[in-house]
Amino acid sequence: MPGNGKHLPAGERRAVIVETVLELAAEGNPSEITTASIAERMSLTQGALFRHFPSKDAVWSAVMEWVAERLLLRVERMVEEASTPLAALEAAFIANIRFAAEYPGAPRLLFGELQRTGESVPRDIARALMKRYSERLRALVEEGKERGEIRRDVSSEEAAHLLIGVVQGLAIQSLLAGDAQTMLRHAPESFSIFKRGIEEPGRL
């Protein structure tokens, strides 16, 4: 649990606010989180909160930026260590799953923003995250096709969407089970099923 944020430099205080929002999102419906509930959890006044963020949307934007930056960094690090495109796809998938299990509030916030009507900065950040992640997966699928690992008739766009959908499905199952570790247990077999659907037949 984050500290209450008192007596911290401004940058650290903002980081604690972001962590607090993620913590609250892991415990309940993100749409019900208010600046008052954030301040209460941190033992601060709303005035103190607004000295760091001028509005709730500004808080949400900071949280979405935090999620996007760290998730994409983790994915890229895992992908760079993989020896083949298929291994890189699995690495990206597992990195995503591990991130969601470590920060269960993150997928809740992300789903909430993507479902939000109208335009907003947090929603734009969430959409940009999904776009960049999808593009990275598509590139890996295309590389796999070129190297003979993945069937030529596989749509890289649909494969990327499907893999993202598997992550979302596992995240939802974990939310329903009330156990963030559920997705970690089911991830290997889920990817194995996905892999069998795109892999070049007869590949050793």
C-alpha atoms as a PDB file:
ATOM      1  CA  MET A   1       0.000   0.000   0.000  1.00  0.00           C
ATOM      2  CA  PRO A   2       1.361   3.467  -0.882  1.00  0.00           C
ATOM      3  CA  GLY A   3       2.262   5.799   1.927  1.00  0.00           C
ATOM      4  CA  ASN A   4       0.062   8.722   2.762  1.00  0.00           C
ATOM      5  CA  GLY A   5       2.230  11.060   0.712  1.00  0.00           C
ATOM      6  CA  LYS A   6       2.884  13.548   3.482  1.00  0.00           C
ATOM      7  CA  HIS A   7       6.211  15.356   3.667  1.00  0.00           C
ATOM      8  CA  LEU A   8       7.282  14.149   0.208  1.00  0.00           C
ATOM      9  CA  PRO A   9       8.821  16.117  -2.677  1.00  0.00           C
ATOM     10  CA  ALA A  10       6.276  17.062  -5.362  1.00  0.00           C
ATOM     11  CA  GLY A  11       7.397  14.373  -7.810  1.00  0.00           C
ATOM     12  CA  GLU A  12       7.190  11.627  -5.212  1.00  0.00           C
ATOM     13  CA  ARG A  13       3.821  12.880  -4.006  1.00  0.00           C
ATOM     14  CA  ARG A  14       2.438  12.647  -7.556  1.00  0.00           C
ATOM     15  CA  ALA A  15       3.801   9.111  -7.839  1.00  0.00           C
ATOM     16  CA  VAL A  16       2.073   8.136  -4.596  1.00  0.00           C
ATOM     17  CA  ILE A  17      -1.193   9.593  -5.878  1.00  0.00           C
ATOM     18  CA  VAL A  18      -0.907   7.444  -9.018  1.00  0.00           C
ATOM     19  CA  GLU A  19      -0.194   4.349  -6.912  1.00  0.00           C
ATOM     20  CA  THR A  20      -3.174   5.141  -4.707  1.00  0.00           C
ATOM     21  CA  VAL A  21      -5.516   5.337  -7.708  1.00  0.00           C
ATOM     22  CA  LEU A  22      -4.248   1.961  -8.940  1.00  0.00           C
ATOM     23  CA  GLU A  23      -4.784   0.517  -5.475  1.00  0.00           C
ATOM     24  CA  LEU A  24      -8.344   1.850  -5.280  1.00  0.00           C
ATOM     25  CA  ALA A  25      -9.096   0.595  -8.801  1.00  0.00           C
ATOM     26  CA  ALA A  26      -7.952  -2.887  -7.786  1.00  0.00           C
ATOM     27  CA  GLU A  27     -10.445  -2.848  -4.919  1.00  0.00           C
ATOM     28  CA  GLY A  28     -13.560  -1.648  -6.725  1.00  0.00           C
ATOM     29  CA  ASN A  29     -15.189   0.081  -9.671  1.00  0.00           C
ATOM     30  CA  PRO A  30     -12.795   2.750 -11.046  1.00  0.00           C
ATOM     31  CA  SER A  31     -15.739   4.953 -12.056  1.00  0.00           C
ATOM     32  CA  GLU A  32     -16.602   5.318  -8.367  1.00  0.00           C
ATOM     33  CA  ILE A  33     -13.165   6.657  -7.427  1.00  0.00           C
ATOM     34  CA  THR A  34     -13.346  10.327  -6.551  1.00  0.00           C
ATOM     35  CA  THR A  35     -10.725  12.883  -5.645  1.00  0.00           C
ATOM     36  CA  ALA A  36     -12.235  12.789  -2.159  1.00  0.00           C
ATOM     37  CA  SER A  37     -11.646   9.022  -1.869  1.00  0.00           C
ATOM     38  CA  ILE A  38      -8.081   9.413  -3.129  1.00  0.00           C
ATOM     39  CA  ALA A  39      -7.375  12.160  -0.617  1.00  0.00           C
ATOM     40  CA  GLU A  40      -8.991  10.155   2.174  1.00  0.00           C
ATOM     41  CA  ARG A  41      -6.877   7.080   1.413  1.00  0.00           C
ATOM     42  CA  MET A  42      -3.753   9.251   1.526  1.00  0.00           C
ATOM     43  CA  SER A  43      -4.865  11.156   4.657  1.00  0.00           C
ATOM     44  CA  LEU A  44      -4.737  14.404   2.694  1.00  0.00           C
ATOM     45  CA  THR A  45      -7.191  17.176   1.991  1.00  0.00           C
ATOM     46  CA  GLN A  46      -8.583  17.562  -1.522  1.00  0.00           C
ATOM     47  CA  GLY A  47      -6.858  20.910  -1.610  1.00  0.00           C
ATOM     48  CA  ALA A  48      -3.500  19.203  -1.123  1.00  0.00           C
ATOM     49  CA  LEU A  49      -4.365  16.791  -3.929  1.00  0.00           C
ATOM     50  CA  PHE A  50      -5.283  19.605  -6.300  1.00  0.00           C
ATOM     51  CA  ARG A  51      -1.948  21.312  -5.687  1.00  0.00           C
ATOM     52  CA  HIS A  52      -0.440  18.473  -7.717  1.00  0.00           C
ATOM     53  CA  PHE A  53      -3.241  17.792 -10.194  1.00  0.00           C
ATOM     54  CA  PRO A  54      -5.755  20.480 -11.215  1.00  0.00           C
ATOM     55  CA  SER A  55      -8.592  18.023 -11.904  1.00  0.00           C
ATOM     56  CA  LYS A  56      -9.671  14.388 -11.742  1.00  0.00           C
ATOM     57  CA  ASP A  57      -8.956  14.060 -15.461  1.00  0.00           C
ATOM     58  CA  ALA A  58      -5.402  15.224 -14.818  1.00  0.00           C
ATOM     59  CA  VAL A  59      -5.011  12.500 -12.196  1.00  0.00           C
ATOM     60  CA  TRP A  60      -6.398   9.896 -14.620  1.00  0.00           C
ATOM     61  CA  SER A  61      -4.087  11.140 -17.365  1.00  0.00           C
ATOM     62  CA  ALA A  62      -1.086  10.671 -15.081  1.00  0.00           C
ATOM     63  CA  VAL A  63      -2.250   7.168 -14.176  1.00  0.00           C
ATOM     64  CA  MET A  64      -2.780   6.210 -17.831  1.00  0.00           C
ATOM     65  CA  GLU A  65       0.648   7.585 -18.745  1.00  0.00           C
ATOM     66  CA  TRP A  66       2.195   5.569 -15.902  1.00  0.00           C
ATOM     67  CA  VAL A  67       0.479   2.384 -17.053  1.00  0.00           C
ATOM     68  CA  ALA A  68       1.357   2.918 -20.726  1.00  0.00           C
ATOM     69  CA  GLU A  69       5.002   3.730 -20.073  1.00  0.00           C
ATOM     70  CA  ARG A  70       5.657   0.804 -17.760  1.00  0.00           C
ATOM     71  CA  LEU A  71       3.650  -1.790 -19.653  1.00  0.00           C
ATOM     72  CA  LEU A  72       5.273  -1.004 -23.001  1.00  0.00           C
ATOM     73  CA  LEU A  73       8.718  -0.930 -21.399  1.00  0.00           C
ATOM     74  CA  ARG A  74       8.195  -4.359 -19.856  1.00  0.00           C
ATOM     75  CA  VAL A  75       6.883  -5.781 -23.106  1.00  0.00           C
ATOM     76  CA  GLU A  76       9.795  -4.404 -25.104  1.00  0.00           C
ATOM     77  CA  ARG A  77      12.378  -5.730 -22.671  1.00  0.00           C
ATOM     78  CA  MET A  78      10.885  -9.215 -22.832  1.00  0.00           C
ATOM     79  CA  VAL A  79      10.587  -9.110 -26.632  1.00  0.00           C
ATOM     80  CA  GLU A  80      14.217  -8.074 -27.049  1.00  0.00           C
ATOM     81  CA  GLU A  81      15.345 -11.153 -25.096  1.00  0.00           C
ATOM     82  CA  ALA A  82      13.350 -13.579 -27.262  1.00  0.00           C
ATOM     83  CA  SER A  83      15.171 -15.608 -29.917  1.00  0.00           C
ATOM     84  CA  THR A  84      12.315 -15.979 -32.444  1.00  0.00           C
ATOM     85  CA  PRO A  85       9.162 -14.040 -33.431  1.00  0.00           C
ATOM     86  CA  LEU A  86       6.871 -16.667 -31.875  1.00  0.00           C
ATOM     87  CA  ALA A  87       8.911 -16.609 -28.685  1.00  0.00           C
ATOM     88  CA  ALA A  88       8.695 -12.805 -28.758  1.00  0.00           C
ATOM     89  CA  LEU A  89       4.898 -12.955 -29.077  1.00  0.00           C
ATOM     90  CA  GLU A  90       4.751 -15.246 -26.065  1.00  0.00           C
ATOM     91  CA  ALA A  91       7.134 -12.970 -24.165  1.00  0.00           C
ATOM     92  CA  ALA A  92       4.957  -9.939 -24.911  1.00  0.00           C
ATOM     93  CA  PHE A  93       1.841 -11.840 -23.836  1.00  0.00           C
ATOM     94  CA  ILE A  94       3.399 -13.052 -20.574  1.00  0.00           C
ATOM     95  CA  ALA A  95       4.798  -9.587 -19.803  1.00  0.00           C
ATOM     96  CA  ASN A  96       1.308  -8.161 -20.227  1.00  0.00           C
ATOM     97  CA  ILE A  97      -0.241 -10.833 -18.029  1.00  0.00           C
ATOM     98  CA  ARG A  98       2.366 -10.381 -15.288  1.00  0.00           C
ATOM     99  CA  PHE A  99       1.853  -6.612 -15.335  1.00  0.00           C
ATOM    100  CA  ALA A 100      -1.929  -7.022 -15.031  1.00  0.00           C
ATOM    101  CA  ALA A 101      -1.487  -9.491 -12.164  1.00  0.00           C
ATOM    102  CA  GLU A 102       0.923  -7.173 -10.354  1.00  0.00           C
ATOM    103  CA  TYR A 103      -1.296  -4.118 -10.882  1.00  0.00           C
ATOM    104  CA  PRO A 104      -4.881  -5.469 -11.114  1.00  0.00           C
ATOM    105  CA  GLY A 105      -6.219  -1.939 -11.021  1.00  0.00           C
ATOM    106  CA  ALA A 106      -4.517  -1.176 -14.345  1.00  0.00           C
ATOM    107  CA  PRO A 107      -6.750  -3.304 -16.624  1.00  0.00           C
ATOM    108  CA  ARG A 108      -9.838  -2.067 -14.806  1.00  0.00           C
ATOM    109  CA  LEU A 109      -8.825   1.548 -15.434  1.00  0.00           C
ATOM    110  CA  LEU A 110      -7.834   0.795 -19.018  1.00  0.00           C
ATOM    111  CA  PHE A 111     -11.120  -0.969 -19.829  1.00  0.00           C
ATOM    112  CA  GLY A 112     -13.026   1.856 -18.193  1.00  0.00           C
ATOM    113  CA  GLU A 113     -11.317   4.528 -20.273  1.00  0.00           C
ATOM    114  CA  LEU A 114     -11.724   2.608 -23.535  1.00  0.00           C
ATOM    115  CA  GLN A 115     -15.461   2.279 -22.848  1.00  0.00           C
ATOM    116  CA  ARG A 116     -15.825   5.916 -21.908  1.00  0.00           C
ATOM    117  CA  THR A 117     -17.972   8.027 -24.249  1.00  0.00           C
ATOM    118  CA  GLY A 118     -16.740  11.350 -25.570  1.00  0.00           C
ATOM    119  CA  GLU A 119     -13.183  12.556 -25.904  1.00  0.00           C
ATOM    120  CA  SER A 120     -10.765  12.992 -23.032  1.00  0.00           C
ATOM    121  CA  VAL A 121      -7.020  12.992 -22.522  1.00  0.00           C
ATOM    122  CA  PRO A 122      -7.041   9.782 -20.403  1.00  0.00           C
ATOM    123  CA  ARG A 123      -9.068   8.005 -23.105  1.00  0.00           C
ATOM    124  CA  ASP A 124      -6.671   9.233 -25.796  1.00  0.00           C
ATOM    125  CA  ILE A 125      -3.721   7.874 -23.805  1.00  0.00           C
ATOM    126  CA  ALA A 126      -5.463   4.514 -23.359  1.00  0.00           C
ATOM    127  CA  ARG A 127      -6.232   4.313 -27.088  1.00  0.00           C
ATOM    128  CA  ALA A 128      -2.661   5.251 -27.985  1.00  0.00           C
ATOM    129  CA  LEU A 129      -1.375   2.516 -25.682  1.00  0.00           C
ATOM    130  CA  MET A 130      -3.547  -0.120 -27.337  1.00  0.00           C
ATOM    131  CA  LYS A 131      -2.537   1.135 -30.789  1.00  0.00           C
ATOM    132  CA  ARG A 132       1.203   0.929 -30.034  1.00  0.00           C
ATOM    133  CA  TYR A 133       0.865  -2.474 -28.407  1.00  0.00           C
ATOM    134  CA  SER A 134      -1.188  -3.816 -31.306  1.00  0.00           C
ATOM    135  CA  GLU A 135       1.322  -2.460 -33.839  1.00  0.00           C
ATOM    136  CA  ARG A 136       4.167  -4.195 -31.999  1.00  0.00           C
ATOM    137  CA  LEU A 137       2.314  -7.508 -32.044  1.00  0.00           C
ATOM    138  CA  ARG A 138       1.469  -7.149 -35.731  1.00  0.00           C
ATOM    139  CA  ALA A 139       5.124  -6.522 -36.537  1.00  0.00           C
ATOM    140  CA  LEU A 140       6.092  -9.696 -34.687  1.00  0.00           C
ATOM    141  CA  VAL A 141       3.480 -11.716 -36.582  1.00  0.00           C
ATOM    142  CA  GLU A 142       4.766 -10.360 -39.902  1.00  0.00           C
ATOM    143  CA  GLU A 143       8.317 -11.242 -38.912  1.00  0.00           C
ATOM    144  CA  GLY A 144       7.163 -14.718 -37.974  1.00  0.00           C
ATOM    145  CA  LYS A 145       5.563 -15.146 -41.393  1.00  0.00           C
ATOM    146  CA  GLU A 146       8.745 -14.065 -43.130  1.00  0.00           C
ATOM    147  CA  ARG A 147      10.790 -16.536 -41.096  1.00  0.00           C
ATOM    148  CA  GLY A 148       8.433 -19.426 -41.724  1.00  0.00           C
ATOM    149  CA  GLU A 149       7.200 -19.725 -38.139  1.00  0.00           C
ATOM    150  CA  ILE A 150       3.704 -18.386 -38.778  1.00  0.00           C
ATOM    151  CA  ARG A 151       1.367 -19.305 -41.645  1.00  0.00           C
ATOM    152  CA  ARG A 152       1.345 -16.858 -44.535  1.00  0.00           C
ATOM    153  CA  ASP A 153      -2.462 -16.755 -44.577  1.00  0.00           C
ATOM    154  CA  VAL A 154      -2.654 -15.434 -40.997  1.00  0.00           C
ATOM    155  CA  SER A 155      -3.810 -11.840 -40.748  1.00  0.00           C
ATOM    156  CA  SER A 156      -1.309  -9.990 -38.574  1.00  0.00           C
ATOM    157  CA  GLU A 157      -3.977  -7.478 -37.565  1.00  0.00           C
ATOM    158  CA  GLU A 158      -6.492 -10.120 -36.503  1.00  0.00           C
ATOM    159  CA  ALA A 159      -3.812 -12.175 -34.732  1.00  0.00           C
ATOM    160  CA  ALA A 160      -2.792  -9.108 -32.722  1.00  0.00           C
ATOM    161  CA  HIS A 161      -6.411  -8.339 -31.835  1.00  0.00           C
ATOM    162  CA  LEU A 162      -6.983 -11.954 -30.819  1.00  0.00           C
ATOM    163  CA  LEU A 163      -3.947 -12.038 -28.533  1.00  0.00           C
ATOM    164  CA  ILE A 164      -5.011  -8.785 -26.882  1.00  0.00           C
ATOM    165  CA  GLY A 165      -8.478 -10.280 -26.480  1.00  0.00           C
ATOM    166  CA  VAL A 166      -7.005 -13.293 -24.686  1.00  0.00           C
ATOM    167  CA  VAL A 167      -5.287 -10.948 -22.220  1.00  0.00           C
ATOM    168  CA  GLN A 168      -8.553  -9.097 -21.658  1.00  0.00           C
ATOM    169  CA  GLY A 169     -10.457 -12.344 -21.178  1.00  0.00           C
ATOM    170  CA  LEU A 170      -7.985 -13.622 -18.591  1.00  0.00           C
ATOM    171  CA  ALA A 171      -8.104 -10.263 -16.798  1.00  0.00           C
ATOM    172  CA  ILE A 172     -11.907 -10.428 -16.647  1.00  0.00           C
ATOM    173  CA  GLN A 173     -11.784 -14.003 -15.315  1.00  0.00           C
ATOM    174  CA  SER A 174      -9.393 -12.851 -12.596  1.00  0.00           C
ATOM    175  CA  LEU A 175     -11.711  -9.989 -11.672  1.00  0.00           C
ATOM    176  CA  LEU A 176     -14.659 -12.378 -11.415  1.00  0.00           C
ATOM    177  CA  ALA A 177     -12.607 -14.807  -9.339  1.00  0.00           C
ATOM    178  CA  GLY A 178     -11.316 -12.030  -7.120  1.00  0.00           C
ATOM    179  CA  ASP A 179      -7.817 -13.401  -7.582  1.00  0.00           C
ATOM    180  CA  ALA A 180      -5.308 -11.580  -9.769  1.00  0.00           C
ATOM    181  CA  GLN A 181      -3.105 -14.680  -9.857  1.00  0.00           C
ATOM    182  CA  THR A 182      -5.743 -16.607 -11.813  1.00  0.00           C
ATOM    183  CA  MET A 183      -4.524 -15.132 -15.071  1.00  0.00           C
ATOM    184  CA  LEU A 184      -0.965 -16.286 -14.386  1.00  0.00           C
ATOM    185  CA  ARG A 185      -2.127 -19.873 -13.945  1.00  0.00           C
ATOM    186  CA  HIS A 186      -4.112 -19.916 -17.181  1.00  0.00           C
ATOM    187  CA  ALA A 187      -1.739 -17.864 -19.329  1.00  0.00           C
ATOM    188  CA  PRO A 188       0.600 -20.635 -20.580  1.00  0.00           C
ATOM    189  CA  GLU A 189      -2.175 -22.894 -21.907  1.00  0.00           C
ATOM    190  CA  SER A 190      -4.054 -19.904 -23.337  1.00  0.00           C
ATOM    191  CA  PHE A 191      -1.012 -18.875 -25.347  1.00  0.00           C
ATOM    192  CA  SER A 192      -0.428 -22.476 -26.406  1.00  0.00           C
ATOM    193  CA  ILE A 193      -3.924 -22.583 -27.932  1.00  0.00           C
ATOM    194  CA  PHE A 194      -3.333 -19.259 -29.689  1.00  0.00           C
ATOM    195  CA  LYS A 195       0.052 -20.450 -30.976  1.00  0.00           C
ATOM    196  CA  ARG A 196      -1.414 -23.640 -32.466  1.00  0.00           C
ATOM    197  CA  GLY A 197      -3.850 -21.515 -34.426  1.00  0.00           C
ATOM    198  CA  ILE A 198      -1.195 -19.425 -36.187  1.00  0.00           C
ATOM    199  CA  GLU A 199       1.878 -21.654 -36.290  1.00  0.00           C
ATOM    200  CA  GLU A 200       3.173 -23.062 -39.566  1.00  0.00           C
ATOM    201  CA  PRO A 201       2.216 -26.783 -39.694  1.00  0.00           C
ATOM    202  CA  GLY A 202       5.139 -29.174 -39.410  1.00  0.00           C
ATOM    203  CA  ARG A 203       7.489 -26.564 -37.960  1.00  0.00           C
ATOM    204  CA  LEU A 204      10.022 -28.097 -35.605  1.00  0.00           C
END
